[in-house]
Amino acid sequence: MSPLRMVYLALAIWGAIHPMYYFVTYMRETGTGLGGLIDAWYVNASTHGLVWDLTIAAITLTVWIIAETIVRKNWLGLVAIPATFCIGVSCGLPLYLFLRTRNPE
């Protein structure tokens, strides 16, 4: 595995664990669960803007993944779509780059 692929994999793992730590910590502290976390994302204009920023980035990444999957026939790359929407762009983007740069079989 190339050093660049190892960097992508490390970033995907970090992008999955680090943000999730804060989400879980918040939900434990407030006891509100996922609904409370989502409500907190819309508490003011700043967080609302950040949510839209990340949503647009996630949709853009999804369009790119689908377009490249159709051309390259790299079906494994589609795994990055649920990772993007269930975990975040910080996991989905480096995961897709990791999967995209693998040697074709």
PDB file of N, CA and C in Angstrom:
ATOM      1  N   MET A   1       0.848  -1.172   0.000  1.00  0.00           N
ATOM      2  CA  MET A   1       0.000   0.000   0.000  1.00  0.00           C
ATOM      3  C   MET A   1       0.895   1.238   0.000  1.00  0.00           C
ATOM      4  N   SER A   2       0.560   2.183  -0.849  1.00  0.00           N
ATOM      5  CA  SER A   2       1.376   3.389  -0.977  1.00  0.00           C
ATOM      6  C   SER A   2       1.210   4.284   0.257  1.00  0.00           C
ATOM      7  N   PRO A   3       2.194   5.142   0.506  1.00  0.00           N
ATOM      8  CA  PRO A   3       2.089   6.066   1.649  1.00  0.00           C
ATOM      9  C   PRO A   3       0.867   6.975   1.540  1.00  0.00           C
ATOM     10  N   LEU A   4       0.522   7.391   0.322  1.00  0.00           N
ATOM     11  CA  LEU A   4      -0.644   8.259   0.141  1.00  0.00           C
ATOM     12  C   LEU A   4      -1.926   7.524   0.522  1.00  0.00           C
ATOM     13  N   ARG A   5      -2.051   6.264   0.128  1.00  0.00           N
ATOM     14  CA  ARG A   5      -3.235   5.479   0.506  1.00  0.00           C
ATOM     15  C   ARG A   5      -3.306   5.316   2.019  1.00  0.00           C
ATOM     16  N   MET A   6      -2.169   5.142   2.664  1.00  0.00           N
ATOM     17  CA  MET A   6      -2.164   5.017   4.131  1.00  0.00           C
ATOM     18  C   MET A   6      -2.624   6.321   4.790  1.00  0.00           C
ATOM     19  N   VAL A   7      -2.246   7.455   4.207  1.00  0.00           N
ATOM     20  CA  VAL A   7      -2.696   8.757   4.718  1.00  0.00           C
ATOM     21  C   VAL A   7      -4.214   8.872   4.567  1.00  0.00           C
ATOM     22  N   TYR A   8      -4.748   8.498   3.391  1.00  0.00           N
ATOM     23  CA  TYR A   8      -6.198   8.537   3.184  1.00  0.00           C
ATOM     24  C   TYR A   8      -6.926   7.654   4.189  1.00  0.00           C
ATOM     25  N   LEU A   9      -6.403   6.456   4.422  1.00  0.00           N
ATOM     26  CA  LEU A   9      -7.034   5.541   5.369  1.00  0.00           C
ATOM     27  C   LEU A   9      -6.988   6.103   6.784  1.00  0.00           C
ATOM     28  N   ALA A  10      -5.840   6.647   7.165  1.00  0.00           N
ATOM     29  CA  ALA A  10      -5.709   7.245   8.501  1.00  0.00           C
ATOM     30  C   ALA A  10      -6.678   8.419   8.668  1.00  0.00           C
ATOM     31  N   LEU A  11      -6.816   9.250   7.635  1.00  0.00           N
ATOM     32  CA  LEU A  11      -7.745  10.381   7.700  1.00  0.00           C
ATOM     33  C   LEU A  11      -9.198   9.914   7.775  1.00  0.00           C
ATOM     34  N   ALA A  12      -9.525   8.836   7.071  1.00  0.00           N
ATOM     35  CA  ALA A  12     -10.883   8.293   7.127  1.00  0.00           C
ATOM     36  C   ALA A  12     -11.195   7.778   8.534  1.00  0.00           C
ATOM     37  N   ILE A  13     -10.254   7.093   9.133  1.00  0.00           N
ATOM     38  CA  ILE A  13     -10.453   6.582  10.499  1.00  0.00           C
ATOM     39  C   ILE A  13     -10.559   7.742  11.482  1.00  0.00           C
ATOM     40  N   TRP A  14      -9.662   8.701  11.352  1.00  0.00           N
ATOM     41  CA  TRP A  14      -9.708   9.880  12.231  1.00  0.00           C
ATOM     42  C   TRP A  14     -11.027  10.629  12.027  1.00  0.00           C
ATOM     43  N   GLY A  15     -11.444  10.771  10.767  1.00  0.00           N
ATOM     44  CA  GLY A  15     -12.684  11.469  10.442  1.00  0.00           C
ATOM     45  C   GLY A  15     -13.923  10.743  10.941  1.00  0.00           C
ATOM     46  N   ALA A  16     -13.801   9.467  11.212  1.00  0.00           N
ATOM     47  CA  ALA A  16     -14.922   8.711  11.786  1.00  0.00           C
ATOM     48  C   ALA A  16     -14.929   8.809  13.307  1.00  0.00           C
ATOM     49  N   ILE A  17     -13.774   8.697  13.918  1.00  0.00           N
ATOM     50  CA  ILE A  17     -13.683   8.625  15.385  1.00  0.00           C
ATOM     51  C   ILE A  17     -13.763   9.990  16.051  1.00  0.00           C
ATOM     52  N   HIS A  18     -12.999  10.940  15.577  1.00  0.00           N
ATOM     53  CA  HIS A  18     -12.891  12.237  16.260  1.00  0.00           C
ATOM     54  C   HIS A  18     -14.235  12.973  16.357  1.00  0.00           C
ATOM     55  N   PRO A  19     -14.939  13.199  15.259  1.00  0.00           N
ATOM     56  CA  PRO A  19     -16.233  13.890  15.386  1.00  0.00           C
ATOM     57  C   PRO A  19     -17.247  13.082  16.202  1.00  0.00           C
ATOM     58  N   MET A  20     -17.219  11.748  16.046  1.00  0.00           N
ATOM     59  CA  MET A  20     -18.167  10.906  16.769  1.00  0.00           C
ATOM     60  C   MET A  20     -17.968  11.022  18.277  1.00  0.00           C
ATOM     61  N   TYR A  21     -16.732  11.210  18.706  1.00  0.00           N
ATOM     62  CA  TYR A  21     -16.443  11.397  20.132  1.00  0.00           C
ATOM     63  C   TYR A  21     -17.233  12.592  20.667  1.00  0.00           C
ATOM     64  N   TYR A  22     -17.232  13.696  19.939  1.00  0.00           N
ATOM     65  CA  TYR A  22     -17.943  14.901  20.391  1.00  0.00           C
ATOM     66  C   TYR A  22     -19.456  14.711  20.333  1.00  0.00           C
ATOM     67  N   PHE A  23     -19.939  14.031  19.307  1.00  0.00           N
ATOM     68  CA  PHE A  23     -21.380  13.785  19.217  1.00  0.00           C
ATOM     69  C   PHE A  23     -21.866  12.929  20.378  1.00  0.00           C
ATOM     70  N   VAL A  24     -21.149  11.854  20.655  1.00  0.00           N
ATOM     71  CA  VAL A  24     -21.540  10.948  21.744  1.00  0.00           C
ATOM     72  C   VAL A  24     -21.420  11.651  23.085  1.00  0.00           C
ATOM     73  N   THR A  25     -20.358  12.423  23.276  1.00  0.00           N
ATOM     74  CA  THR A  25     -20.189  13.175  24.524  1.00  0.00           C
ATOM     75  C   THR A  25     -21.352  14.131  24.739  1.00  0.00           C
ATOM     76  N   TYR A  26     -21.747  14.838  23.706  1.00  0.00           N
ATOM     77  CA  TYR A  26     -22.861  15.777  23.810  1.00  0.00           C
ATOM     78  C   TYR A  26     -24.153  15.044  24.167  1.00  0.00           C
ATOM     79  N   MET A  27     -24.407  13.945  23.484  1.00  0.00           N
ATOM     80  CA  MET A  27     -25.646  13.208  23.748  1.00  0.00           C
ATOM     81  C   MET A  27     -25.670  12.629  25.162  1.00  0.00           C
ATOM     82  N   ARG A  28     -24.521  12.197  25.666  1.00  0.00           N
ATOM     83  CA  ARG A  28     -24.452  11.694  27.044  1.00  0.00           C
ATOM     84  C   ARG A  28     -24.682  12.809  28.055  1.00  0.00           C
ATOM     85  N   GLU A  29     -24.062  13.972  27.808  1.00  0.00           N
ATOM     86  CA  GLU A  29     -24.173  15.086  28.751  1.00  0.00           C
ATOM     87  C   GLU A  29     -25.588  15.643  28.821  1.00  0.00           C
ATOM     88  N   THR A  30     -26.248  15.721  27.677  1.00  0.00           N
ATOM     89  CA  THR A  30     -27.583  16.317  27.660  1.00  0.00           C
ATOM     90  C   THR A  30     -28.690  15.287  27.832  1.00  0.00           C
ATOM     91  N   GLY A  31     -28.396  14.039  27.527  1.00  0.00           N
ATOM     92  CA  GLY A  31     -29.397  12.992  27.636  1.00  0.00           C
ATOM     93  C   GLY A  31     -30.513  13.106  26.622  1.00  0.00           C
ATOM     94  N   THR A  32     -30.277  13.860  25.556  1.00  0.00           N
ATOM     95  CA  THR A  32     -31.335  14.103  24.574  1.00  0.00           C
ATOM     96  C   THR A  32     -31.277  13.158  23.378  1.00  0.00           C
ATOM     97  N   GLY A  33     -30.217  12.414  23.227  1.00  0.00           N
ATOM     98  CA  GLY A  33     -30.097  11.490  22.105  1.00  0.00           C
ATOM     99  C   GLY A  33     -29.863  12.197  20.787  1.00  0.00           C
ATOM    100  N   LEU A  34     -30.093  11.457  19.713  1.00  0.00           N
ATOM    101  CA  LEU A  34     -29.842  11.972  18.373  1.00  0.00           C
ATOM    102  C   LEU A  34     -30.744  13.166  18.034  1.00  0.00           C
ATOM    103  N   GLY A  35     -31.994  13.123  18.483  1.00  0.00           N
ATOM    104  CA  GLY A  35     -32.909  14.237  18.222  1.00  0.00           C
ATOM    105  C   GLY A  35     -32.405  15.539  18.818  1.00  0.00           C
ATOM    106  N   GLY A  36     -31.875  15.470  20.035  1.00  0.00           N
ATOM    107  CA  GLY A  36     -31.323  16.659  20.676  1.00  0.00           C
ATOM    108  C   GLY A  36     -30.081  17.168  19.975  1.00  0.00           C
ATOM    109  N   LEU A  37     -29.278  16.236  19.479  1.00  0.00           N
ATOM    110  CA  LEU A  37     -28.081  16.628  18.736  1.00  0.00           C
ATOM    111  C   LEU A  37     -28.469  17.360  17.456  1.00  0.00           C
ATOM    112  N   ILE A  38     -29.440  16.831  16.750  1.00  0.00           N
ATOM    113  CA  ILE A  38     -29.889  17.477  15.512  1.00  0.00           C
ATOM    114  C   ILE A  38     -30.516  18.839  15.810  1.00  0.00           C
ATOM    115  N   ASP A  39     -31.289  18.940  16.881  1.00  0.00           N
ATOM    116  CA  ASP A  39     -31.856  20.238  17.273  1.00  0.00           C
ATOM    117  C   ASP A  39     -30.747  21.251  17.562  1.00  0.00           C
ATOM    118  N   ALA A  40     -29.648  20.806  18.165  1.00  0.00           N
ATOM    119  CA  ALA A  40     -28.539  21.701  18.491  1.00  0.00           C
ATOM    120  C   ALA A  40     -27.858  22.235  17.241  1.00  0.00           C
ATOM    121  N   TRP A  41     -27.939  21.497  16.153  1.00  0.00           N
ATOM    122  CA  TRP A  41     -27.324  21.957  14.912  1.00  0.00           C
ATOM    123  C   TRP A  41     -28.026  23.180  14.358  1.00  0.00           C
ATOM    124  N   TYR A  42     -29.248  23.432  14.789  1.00  0.00           N
ATOM    125  CA  TYR A  42     -30.039  24.551  14.254  1.00  0.00           C
ATOM    126  C   TYR A  42     -30.319  25.610  15.320  1.00  0.00           C
ATOM    127  N   VAL A  43     -29.448  25.691  16.330  1.00  0.00           N
ATOM    128  CA  VAL A  43     -29.697  26.588  17.454  1.00  0.00           C
ATOM    129  C   VAL A  43     -29.474  28.063  17.099  1.00  0.00           C
ATOM    130  N   ASN A  44     -28.603  28.351  16.133  1.00  0.00           N
ATOM    131  CA  ASN A  44     -28.388  29.748  15.728  1.00  0.00           C
ATOM    132  C   ASN A  44     -27.938  29.791  14.263  1.00  0.00           C
ATOM    133  N   ALA A  45     -27.787  30.990  13.753  1.00  0.00           N
ATOM    134  CA  ALA A  45     -27.444  31.151  12.337  1.00  0.00           C
ATOM    135  C   ALA A  45     -26.081  30.542  11.998  1.00  0.00           C
ATOM    136  N   SER A  46     -25.148  30.599  12.930  1.00  0.00           N
ATOM    137  CA  SER A  46     -23.818  30.054  12.687  1.00  0.00           C
ATOM    138  C   SER A  46     -23.856  28.538  12.505  1.00  0.00           C
ATOM    139  N   THR A  47     -24.514  27.845  13.417  1.00  0.00           N
ATOM    140  CA  THR A  47     -24.589  26.384  13.295  1.00  0.00           C
ATOM    141  C   THR A  47     -25.470  25.978  12.117  1.00  0.00           C
ATOM    142  N   HIS A  48     -26.497  26.751  11.858  1.00  0.00           N
ATOM    143  CA  HIS A  48     -27.369  26.478  10.712  1.00  0.00           C
ATOM    144  C   HIS A  48     -26.566  26.581   9.410  1.00  0.00           C
ATOM    145  N   GLY A  49     -25.736  27.604   9.307  1.00  0.00           N
ATOM    146  CA  GLY A  49     -24.883  27.769   8.133  1.00  0.00           C
ATOM    147  C   GLY A  49     -23.883  26.634   7.989  1.00  0.00           C
ATOM    148  N   LEU A  50     -23.319  26.193   9.106  1.00  0.00           N
ATOM    149  CA  LEU A  50     -22.369  25.084   9.074  1.00  0.00           C
ATOM    150  C   LEU A  50     -23.040  23.797   8.617  1.00  0.00           C
ATOM    151  N   VAL A  51     -24.262  23.552   9.088  1.00  0.00           N
ATOM    152  CA  VAL A  51     -25.009  22.367   8.660  1.00  0.00           C
ATOM    153  C   VAL A  51     -25.228  22.404   7.144  1.00  0.00           C
ATOM    154  N   TRP A  52     -25.621  23.557   6.620  1.00  0.00           N
ATOM    155  CA  TRP A  52     -25.839  23.657   5.176  1.00  0.00           C
ATOM    156  C   TRP A  52     -24.533  23.511   4.400  1.00  0.00           C
ATOM    157  N   ASP A  53     -23.451  24.064   4.935  1.00  0.00           N
ATOM    158  CA  ASP A  53     -22.149  23.939   4.299  1.00  0.00           C
ATOM    159  C   ASP A  53     -21.773  22.464   4.161  1.00  0.00           C
ATOM    160  N   LEU A  54     -21.910  21.718   5.236  1.00  0.00           N
ATOM    161  CA  LEU A  54     -21.563  20.296   5.216  1.00  0.00           C
ATOM    162  C   LEU A  54     -22.543  19.476   4.388  1.00  0.00           C
ATOM    163  N   THR A  55     -23.806  19.862   4.382  1.00  0.00           N
ATOM    164  CA  THR A  55     -24.805  19.158   3.573  1.00  0.00           C
ATOM    165  C   THR A  55     -24.496  19.318   2.086  1.00  0.00           C
ATOM    166  N   ILE A  56     -24.172  20.530   1.682  1.00  0.00           N
ATOM    167  CA  ILE A  56     -23.837  20.777   0.275  1.00  0.00           C
ATOM    168  C   ILE A  56     -22.558  20.033  -0.104  1.00  0.00           C
ATOM    169  N   ALA A  57     -21.571  20.011   0.787  1.00  0.00           N
ATOM    170  CA  ALA A  57     -20.336  19.260   0.526  1.00  0.00           C
ATOM    171  C   ALA A  57     -20.630  17.770   0.408  1.00  0.00           C
ATOM    172  N   ALA A  58     -21.508  17.241   1.257  1.00  0.00           N
ATOM    173  CA  ALA A  58     -21.855  15.817   1.209  1.00  0.00           C
ATOM    174  C   ALA A  58     -22.585  15.473  -0.083  1.00  0.00           C
ATOM    175  N   ILE A  59     -23.488  16.330  -0.510  1.00  0.00           N
ATOM    176  CA  ILE A  59     -24.215  16.085  -1.767  1.00  0.00           C
ATOM    177  C   ILE A  59     -23.255  16.155  -2.955  1.00  0.00           C
ATOM    178  N   THR A  60     -22.344  17.124  -2.945  1.00  0.00           N
ATOM    179  CA  THR A  60     -21.354  17.247  -4.013  1.00  0.00           C
ATOM    180  C   THR A  60     -20.470  16.014  -4.080  1.00  0.00           C
ATOM    181  N   LEU A  61     -20.011  15.550  -2.924  1.00  0.00           N
ATOM    182  CA  LEU A  61     -19.188  14.340  -2.868  1.00  0.00           C
ATOM    183  C   LEU A  61     -19.965  13.141  -3.407  1.00  0.00           C
ATOM    184  N   THR A  62     -21.232  13.035  -3.057  1.00  0.00           N
ATOM    185  CA  THR A  62     -22.067  11.931  -3.529  1.00  0.00           C
ATOM    186  C   THR A  62     -22.209  11.947  -5.045  1.00  0.00           C
ATOM    187  N   VAL A  63     -22.454  13.118  -5.615  1.00  0.00           N
ATOM    188  CA  VAL A  63     -22.567  13.236  -7.077  1.00  0.00           C
ATOM    189  C   VAL A  63     -21.262  12.809  -7.733  1.00  0.00           C
ATOM    190  N   TRP A  64     -20.139  13.248  -7.177  1.00  0.00           N
ATOM    191  CA  TRP A  64     -18.825  12.888  -7.723  1.00  0.00           C
ATOM    192  C   TRP A  64     -18.596  11.381  -7.631  1.00  0.00           C
ATOM    193  N   ILE A  65     -18.913  10.791  -6.489  1.00  0.00           N
ATOM    194  CA  ILE A  65     -18.726   9.350  -6.320  1.00  0.00           C
ATOM    195  C   ILE A  65     -19.560   8.582  -7.341  1.00  0.00           C
ATOM    196  N   ILE A  66     -20.817   8.955  -7.494  1.00  0.00           N
ATOM    197  CA  ILE A  66     -21.692   8.256  -8.443  1.00  0.00           C
ATOM    198  C   ILE A  66     -21.178   8.426  -9.873  1.00  0.00           C
ATOM    199  N   ALA A  67     -20.797   9.644 -10.236  1.00  0.00           N
ATOM    200  CA  ALA A  67     -20.303   9.896 -11.597  1.00  0.00           C
ATOM    201  C   ALA A  67     -19.040   9.082 -11.883  1.00  0.00           C
ATOM    202  N   GLU A  68     -18.119   9.050 -10.942  1.00  0.00           N
ATOM    203  CA  GLU A  68     -16.890   8.294 -11.150  1.00  0.00           C
ATOM    204  C   GLU A  68     -17.130   6.792 -11.119  1.00  0.00           C
ATOM    205  N   THR A  69     -18.063   6.353 -10.297  1.00  0.00           N
ATOM    206  CA  THR A  69     -18.371   4.924 -10.232  1.00  0.00           C
ATOM    207  C   THR A  69     -18.916   4.434 -11.561  1.00  0.00           C
ATOM    208  N   ILE A  70     -19.753   5.232 -12.184  1.00  0.00           N
ATOM    209  CA  ILE A  70     -20.309   4.856 -13.482  1.00  0.00           C
ATOM    210  C   ILE A  70     -19.201   4.732 -14.523  1.00  0.00           C
ATOM    211  N   VAL A  71     -18.267   5.669 -14.519  1.00  0.00           N
ATOM    212  CA  VAL A  71     -17.191   5.671 -15.512  1.00  0.00           C
ATOM    213  C   VAL A  71     -16.144   4.599 -15.207  1.00  0.00           C
ATOM    214  N   ARG A  72     -15.709   4.523 -13.949  1.00  0.00           N
ATOM    215  CA  ARG A  72     -14.600   3.641 -13.573  1.00  0.00           C
ATOM    216  C   ARG A  72     -15.031   2.234 -13.196  1.00  0.00           C
ATOM    217  N   LYS A  73     -16.312   2.037 -12.977  1.00  0.00           N
ATOM    218  CA  LYS A  73     -16.852   0.736 -12.544  1.00  0.00           C
ATOM    219  C   LYS A  73     -16.226   0.284 -11.225  1.00  0.00           C
ATOM    220  N   ASN A  74     -15.905   1.254 -10.375  1.00  0.00           N
ATOM    221  CA  ASN A  74     -15.327   0.971  -9.059  1.00  0.00           C
ATOM    222  C   ASN A  74     -16.478   0.932  -8.044  1.00  0.00           C
ATOM    223  N   TRP A  75     -17.227  -0.165  -8.050  1.00  0.00           N
ATOM    224  CA  TRP A  75     -18.447  -0.265  -7.251  1.00  0.00           C
ATOM    225  C   TRP A  75     -18.174  -0.165  -5.762  1.00  0.00           C
ATOM    226  N   LEU A  76     -16.996  -0.561  -5.330  1.00  0.00           N
ATOM    227  CA  LEU A  76     -16.662  -0.487  -3.907  1.00  0.00           C
ATOM    228  C   LEU A  76     -16.659   0.958  -3.413  1.00  0.00           C
ATOM    229  N   GLY A  77     -16.401   1.895  -4.299  1.00  0.00           N
ATOM    230  CA  GLY A  77     -16.402   3.309  -3.931  1.00  0.00           C
ATOM    231  C   GLY A  77     -17.734   3.800  -3.407  1.00  0.00           C
ATOM    232  N   LEU A  78     -18.816   3.104  -3.755  1.00  0.00           N
ATOM    233  CA  LEU A  78     -20.142   3.501  -3.280  1.00  0.00           C
ATOM    234  C   LEU A  78     -20.284   3.382  -1.762  1.00  0.00           C
ATOM    235  N   VAL A  79     -19.411   2.642  -1.133  1.00  0.00           N
ATOM    236  CA  VAL A  79     -19.425   2.506   0.331  1.00  0.00           C
ATOM    237  C   VAL A  79     -19.222   3.865   1.000  1.00  0.00           C
ATOM    238  N   ALA A  80     -18.545   4.766   0.319  1.00  0.00           N
ATOM    239  CA  ALA A  80     -18.272   6.084   0.893  1.00  0.00           C
ATOM    240  C   ALA A  80     -19.528   6.939   1.023  1.00  0.00           C
ATOM    241  N   ILE A  81     -20.582   6.620   0.277  1.00  0.00           N
ATOM    242  CA  ILE A  81     -21.811   7.428   0.363  1.00  0.00           C
ATOM    243  C   ILE A  81     -22.490   7.274   1.720  1.00  0.00           C
ATOM    244  N   PRO A  82     -22.787   6.046   2.174  1.00  0.00           N
ATOM    245  CA  PRO A  82     -23.372   5.954   3.518  1.00  0.00           C
ATOM    246  C   PRO A  82     -22.422   6.441   4.605  1.00  0.00           C
ATOM    247  N   ALA A  83     -21.116   6.260   4.414  1.00  0.00           N
ATOM    248  CA  ALA A  83     -20.156   6.775   5.396  1.00  0.00           C
ATOM    249  C   ALA A  83     -20.250   8.295   5.485  1.00  0.00           C
ATOM    250  N   THR A  84     -20.467   8.942   4.353  1.00  0.00           N
ATOM    251  CA  THR A  84     -20.576  10.400   4.321  1.00  0.00           C
ATOM    252  C   THR A  84     -21.810  10.888   5.078  1.00  0.00           C
ATOM    253  N   PHE A  85     -22.951  10.234   4.846  1.00  0.00           N
ATOM    254  CA  PHE A  85     -24.189  10.709   5.458  1.00  0.00           C
ATOM    255  C   PHE A  85     -24.414  10.181   6.871  1.00  0.00           C
ATOM    256  N   CYS A  86     -23.830   9.037   7.217  1.00  0.00           N
ATOM    257  CA  CYS A  86     -24.006   8.491   8.572  1.00  0.00           C
ATOM    258  C   CYS A  86     -22.920   8.964   9.532  1.00  0.00           C
ATOM    259  N   ILE A  87     -21.740   9.235   9.012  1.00  0.00           N
ATOM    260  CA  ILE A  87     -20.628   9.677   9.867  1.00  0.00           C
ATOM    261  C   ILE A  87     -20.289  11.125   9.569  1.00  0.00           C
ATOM    262  N   GLY A  88     -19.981  11.431   8.309  1.00  0.00           N
ATOM    263  CA  GLY A  88     -19.664  12.802   7.942  1.00  0.00           C
ATOM    264  C   GLY A  88     -18.712  12.869   6.766  1.00  0.00           C
ATOM    265  N   VAL A  89     -18.602  14.056   6.209  1.00  0.00           N
ATOM    266  CA  VAL A  89     -17.699  14.293   5.086  1.00  0.00           C
ATOM    267  C   VAL A  89     -16.257  14.024   5.509  1.00  0.00           C
ATOM    268  N   SER A  90     -15.947  14.261   6.775  1.00  0.00           N
ATOM    269  CA  SER A  90     -14.583  14.045   7.271  1.00  0.00           C
ATOM    270  C   SER A  90     -14.175  12.582   7.202  1.00  0.00           C
ATOM    271  N   CYS A  91     -15.118  11.684   7.117  1.00  0.00           N
ATOM    272  CA  CYS A  91     -14.840  10.255   6.930  1.00  0.00           C
ATOM    273  C   CYS A  91     -15.062   9.852   5.472  1.00  0.00           C
ATOM    274  N   GLY A  92     -16.158  10.298   4.886  1.00  0.00           N
ATOM    275  CA  GLY A  92     -16.532   9.863   3.541  1.00  0.00           C
ATOM    276  C   GLY A  92     -15.540  10.260   2.461  1.00  0.00           C
ATOM    277  N   LEU A  93     -15.033  11.483   2.512  1.00  0.00           N
ATOM    278  CA  LEU A  93     -14.105  11.932   1.470  1.00  0.00           C
ATOM    279  C   LEU A  93     -12.785  11.160   1.509  1.00  0.00           C
ATOM    280  N   PRO A  94     -12.095  11.095   2.648  1.00  0.00           N
ATOM    281  CA  PRO A  94     -10.845  10.319   2.622  1.00  0.00           C
ATOM    282  C   PRO A  94     -11.078   8.824   2.373  1.00  0.00           C
ATOM    283  N   LEU A  95     -12.224   8.295   2.818  1.00  0.00           N
ATOM    284  CA  LEU A  95     -12.532   6.893   2.533  1.00  0.00           C
ATOM    285  C   LEU A  95     -12.679   6.681   1.034  1.00  0.00           C
ATOM    286  N   TYR A  96     -13.390   7.582   0.361  1.00  0.00           N
ATOM    287  CA  TYR A  96     -13.534   7.445  -1.084  1.00  0.00           C
ATOM    288  C   TYR A  96     -12.176   7.558  -1.785  1.00  0.00           C
ATOM    289  N   LEU A  97     -11.352   8.500  -1.368  1.00  0.00           N
ATOM    290  CA  LEU A  97     -10.028   8.633  -1.985  1.00  0.00           C
ATOM    291  C   LEU A  97      -9.191   7.382  -1.763  1.00  0.00           C
ATOM    292  N   PHE A  98      -9.310   6.784  -0.576  1.00  0.00           N
ATOM    293  CA  PHE A  98      -8.617   5.527  -0.291  1.00  0.00           C
ATOM    294  C   PHE A  98      -9.097   4.429  -1.237  1.00  0.00           C
ATOM    295  N   LEU A  99     -10.411   4.300  -1.388  1.00  0.00           N
ATOM    296  CA  LEU A  99     -10.966   3.258  -2.246  1.00  0.00           C
ATOM    297  C   LEU A  99     -10.695   3.532  -3.720  1.00  0.00           C
ATOM    298  N   ARG A 100     -10.658   4.792  -4.093  1.00  0.00           N
ATOM    299  CA  ARG A 100     -10.446   5.182  -5.478  1.00  0.00           C
ATOM    300  C   ARG A 100      -9.017   4.882  -5.937  1.00  0.00           C
ATOM    301  N   THR A 101      -8.066   4.950  -5.030  1.00  0.00           N
ATOM    302  CA  THR A 101      -6.666   4.792  -5.405  1.00  0.00           C
ATOM    303  C   THR A 101      -6.150   3.357  -5.286  1.00  0.00           C
ATOM    304  N   ARG A 102      -7.054   2.420  -5.048  1.00  0.00           N
ATOM    305  CA  ARG A 102      -6.607   1.018  -4.954  1.00  0.00           C
ATOM    306  C   ARG A 102      -6.270   0.498  -6.338  1.00  0.00           C
ATOM    307  N   ASN A 103      -5.451  -0.540  -6.375  1.00  0.00           N
ATOM    308  CA  ASN A 103      -5.089  -1.157  -7.655  1.00  0.00           C
ATOM    309  C   ASN A 103      -6.286  -1.896  -8.226  1.00  0.00           C
ATOM    310  N   PRO A 104      -6.554  -1.718  -9.510  1.00  0.00           N
ATOM    311  CA  PRO A 104      -7.682  -2.446 -10.109  1.00  0.00           C
ATOM    312  C   PRO A 104      -7.395  -3.943 -10.138  1.00  0.00           C
ATOM    313  N   GLU A 105      -8.449  -4.710  -9.940  1.00  0.00           N
ATOM    314  CA  GLU A 105      -8.263  -6.166  -9.895  1.00  0.00           C
ATOM    315  C   GLU A 105      -8.581  -6.804 -11.216  1.00  0.00           C
TER     316      GLU A 105
END
